[in-house]
Amino acid sequence: MPALTQFRLPDPLAQWPWARKLNPHYAEIRPESEAWLRSFETLDDKSQRSFDRCNFGKYLFLIRLFDR
């Protein structure tokens, strides 16, 4: 069995110089946004649950990434 190679990925946000603020409409829009994504029915149930746990939509609701 070949030796395992480990990689250490840097944390790109550890020294992020800009403020990160969540869009104030996130809580209101999240259910509608998630329902819209589910409506495409591209994932099986297990994959959909995994996708939902990742909460990718939250990244889309981050605003003012370049505010100082």
N, C-alpha and C. Protein backbone atom coordinates (compact mmCIF):
# COMPACT_ATOMS: atom_id res chain seq x y z
N MET A 1 0.85 -1.17 0.00
CA MET A 1 0.00 0.00 0.00
C MET A 1 0.90 1.24 0.00
N PRO A 2 0.63 2.20 -0.90
CA PRO A 2 1.48 3.40 -0.96
C PRO A 2 1.30 4.27 0.29
N ALA A 3 2.35 4.97 0.63
CA ALA A 3 2.29 5.88 1.78
C ALA A 3 1.29 7.01 1.49
N LEU A 4 0.58 7.42 2.52
CA LEU A 4 -0.36 8.51 2.36
C LEU A 4 0.37 9.85 2.40
N THR A 5 -0.02 10.71 1.53
CA THR A 5 0.54 12.06 1.49
C THR A 5 -0.45 13.01 2.12
N GLN A 6 0.00 13.81 3.05
CA GLN A 6 -0.87 14.78 3.69
C GLN A 6 -0.59 16.17 3.15
N PHE A 7 -1.66 16.93 2.98
CA PHE A 7 -1.55 18.30 2.54
C PHE A 7 -2.17 19.19 3.61
N ARG A 8 -1.55 20.29 3.86
CA ARG A 8 -2.11 21.26 4.79
C ARG A 8 -2.55 22.47 3.99
N LEU A 9 -3.84 22.74 4.02
CA LEU A 9 -4.37 23.87 3.30
C LEU A 9 -4.43 25.08 4.23
N PRO A 10 -4.00 26.22 3.75
CA PRO A 10 -4.05 27.41 4.60
C PRO A 10 -5.49 27.89 4.79
N ASP A 11 -5.73 28.59 5.87
CA ASP A 11 -7.04 29.18 6.12
C ASP A 11 -7.06 30.55 5.45
N PRO A 12 -7.75 30.69 4.31
CA PRO A 12 -7.70 31.95 3.57
C PRO A 12 -8.37 33.11 4.31
N LEU A 13 -9.20 32.82 5.30
CA LEU A 13 -9.88 33.89 6.02
C LEU A 13 -9.18 34.27 7.32
N ALA A 14 -8.12 33.57 7.67
CA ALA A 14 -7.44 33.84 8.94
C ALA A 14 -6.92 35.27 9.02
N GLN A 15 -6.46 35.80 7.93
CA GLN A 15 -5.95 37.16 7.93
C GLN A 15 -6.68 38.03 6.90
N TRP A 16 -7.95 37.73 6.70
CA TRP A 16 -8.77 38.47 5.75
C TRP A 16 -8.88 39.92 6.22
N PRO A 17 -8.47 40.88 5.41
CA PRO A 17 -8.41 42.27 5.88
C PRO A 17 -9.74 43.03 5.85
N TRP A 18 -10.79 42.46 5.29
CA TRP A 18 -12.04 43.18 5.14
C TRP A 18 -13.10 42.61 6.08
N ALA A 19 -13.98 43.49 6.54
CA ALA A 19 -15.07 43.06 7.43
C ALA A 19 -16.02 42.14 6.67
N ARG A 20 -16.56 41.17 7.39
CA ARG A 20 -17.56 40.27 6.80
C ARG A 20 -18.85 40.46 7.58
N LYS A 21 -19.91 40.81 6.89
CA LYS A 21 -21.20 41.01 7.52
C LYS A 21 -22.24 40.22 6.75
N LEU A 22 -23.13 39.60 7.50
CA LEU A 22 -24.18 38.80 6.88
C LEU A 22 -25.31 39.72 6.42
N ASN A 23 -25.81 39.48 5.23
CA ASN A 23 -26.93 40.24 4.70
C ASN A 23 -28.08 40.20 5.71
N PRO A 24 -28.68 41.33 6.04
CA PRO A 24 -29.74 41.35 7.04
C PRO A 24 -31.00 40.59 6.60
N HIS A 25 -31.13 40.26 5.34
CA HIS A 25 -32.30 39.53 4.84
C HIS A 25 -32.07 38.01 4.81
N TYR A 26 -30.92 37.57 5.25
CA TYR A 26 -30.56 36.16 5.15
C TYR A 26 -31.60 35.23 5.79
N ALA A 27 -31.98 35.50 7.04
CA ALA A 27 -32.92 34.61 7.75
C ALA A 27 -34.26 34.52 7.03
N GLU A 28 -34.70 35.62 6.46
CA GLU A 28 -35.99 35.65 5.77
C GLU A 28 -35.92 34.91 4.42
N ILE A 29 -34.84 35.07 3.71
CA ILE A 29 -34.71 34.54 2.35
C ILE A 29 -34.22 33.09 2.32
N ARG A 30 -33.51 32.66 3.34
CA ARG A 30 -32.90 31.32 3.34
C ARG A 30 -33.89 30.20 2.99
N PRO A 31 -35.06 30.11 3.66
CA PRO A 31 -35.97 28.98 3.32
C PRO A 31 -36.41 28.98 1.85
N GLU A 32 -36.70 30.16 1.33
CA GLU A 32 -37.13 30.25 -0.08
C GLU A 32 -35.99 29.85 -1.01
N SER A 33 -34.79 30.30 -0.70
CA SER A 33 -33.63 29.98 -1.52
C SER A 33 -33.35 28.47 -1.51
N GLU A 34 -33.41 27.87 -0.32
CA GLU A 34 -33.16 26.43 -0.22
C GLU A 34 -34.24 25.63 -0.95
N ALA A 35 -35.48 26.06 -0.84
CA ALA A 35 -36.57 25.36 -1.54
C ALA A 35 -36.37 25.44 -3.05
N TRP A 36 -35.94 26.61 -3.52
CA TRP A 36 -35.69 26.77 -4.95
C TRP A 36 -34.59 25.82 -5.42
N LEU A 37 -33.49 25.73 -4.65
CA LEU A 37 -32.42 24.80 -5.03
C LEU A 37 -32.89 23.36 -5.04
N ARG A 38 -33.69 22.97 -4.02
CA ARG A 38 -34.21 21.60 -3.96
C ARG A 38 -35.15 21.29 -5.12
N SER A 39 -35.81 22.31 -5.65
CA SER A 39 -36.80 22.09 -6.71
C SER A 39 -36.18 21.53 -7.99
N PHE A 40 -34.88 21.67 -8.15
CA PHE A 40 -34.22 21.12 -9.33
C PHE A 40 -34.08 19.60 -9.27
N GLU A 41 -34.18 19.04 -8.05
CA GLU A 41 -34.13 17.59 -7.84
C GLU A 41 -32.94 16.94 -8.52
N THR A 42 -31.77 17.55 -8.36
CA THR A 42 -30.57 17.00 -8.99
C THR A 42 -29.81 16.04 -8.08
N LEU A 43 -30.15 16.02 -6.78
CA LEU A 43 -29.43 15.18 -5.82
C LEU A 43 -30.36 14.13 -5.23
N ASP A 44 -29.78 12.97 -4.91
CA ASP A 44 -30.58 11.99 -4.18
C ASP A 44 -30.72 12.47 -2.74
N ASP A 45 -31.53 11.80 -1.94
CA ASP A 45 -31.84 12.27 -0.59
C ASP A 45 -30.59 12.43 0.28
N LYS A 46 -29.71 11.44 0.24
CA LYS A 46 -28.51 11.49 1.06
C LYS A 46 -27.61 12.67 0.65
N SER A 47 -27.44 12.83 -0.65
CA SER A 47 -26.61 13.93 -1.14
C SER A 47 -27.24 15.29 -0.81
N GLN A 48 -28.55 15.36 -0.91
CA GLN A 48 -29.24 16.62 -0.59
C GLN A 48 -29.05 17.00 0.87
N ARG A 49 -29.15 16.01 1.76
CA ARG A 49 -28.94 16.29 3.19
C ARG A 49 -27.51 16.78 3.43
N SER A 50 -26.55 16.17 2.77
CA SER A 50 -25.16 16.62 2.91
C SER A 50 -25.00 18.04 2.38
N PHE A 51 -25.58 18.31 1.25
CA PHE A 51 -25.51 19.65 0.66
C PHE A 51 -26.14 20.68 1.60
N ASP A 52 -27.29 20.33 2.16
CA ASP A 52 -27.99 21.25 3.06
C ASP A 52 -27.16 21.56 4.31
N ARG A 53 -26.46 20.55 4.82
CA ARG A 53 -25.63 20.76 6.02
C ARG A 53 -24.48 21.72 5.75
N CYS A 54 -24.03 21.78 4.53
CA CYS A 54 -22.91 22.67 4.19
C CYS A 54 -23.33 24.14 4.19
N ASN A 55 -24.59 24.40 4.00
CA ASN A 55 -25.12 25.76 4.03
C ASN A 55 -24.37 26.68 3.06
N PHE A 56 -24.21 26.24 1.83
CA PHE A 56 -23.52 27.04 0.82
C PHE A 56 -24.22 28.37 0.58
N GLY A 57 -25.52 28.40 0.75
CA GLY A 57 -26.25 29.64 0.54
C GLY A 57 -25.79 30.77 1.43
N LYS A 58 -25.31 30.42 2.61
CA LYS A 58 -24.86 31.47 3.53
C LYS A 58 -23.71 32.27 2.93
N TYR A 59 -22.86 31.61 2.19
CA TYR A 59 -21.75 32.32 1.54
C TYR A 59 -22.26 33.36 0.55
N LEU A 60 -23.37 33.04 -0.09
CA LEU A 60 -23.93 33.96 -1.07
C LEU A 60 -24.55 35.18 -0.40
N PHE A 61 -24.88 35.05 0.87
CA PHE A 61 -25.50 36.16 1.59
C PHE A 61 -24.49 37.03 2.32
N LEU A 62 -23.23 36.70 2.25
CA LEU A 62 -22.22 37.56 2.86
C LEU A 62 -22.08 38.82 2.01
N ILE A 63 -22.11 39.94 2.68
CA ILE A 63 -22.06 41.21 1.94
C ILE A 63 -20.92 42.07 2.47
N ARG A 64 -20.61 43.06 1.71
CA ARG A 64 -19.61 44.05 2.07
C ARG A 64 -18.27 43.40 2.42
N LEU A 65 -17.84 42.48 1.59
CA LEU A 65 -16.57 41.80 1.84
C LEU A 65 -15.40 42.77 1.77
N PHE A 66 -15.58 43.87 1.07
CA PHE A 66 -14.46 44.77 0.87
C PHE A 66 -14.61 46.07 1.67
N ASP A 67 -15.53 46.08 2.65
CA ASP A 67 -15.62 47.21 3.57
C ASP A 67 -14.43 47.20 4.50
N ARG A 68 -13.89 48.33 4.75
CA ARG A 68 -12.79 48.41 5.72
C ARG A 68 -13.26 49.14 6.95
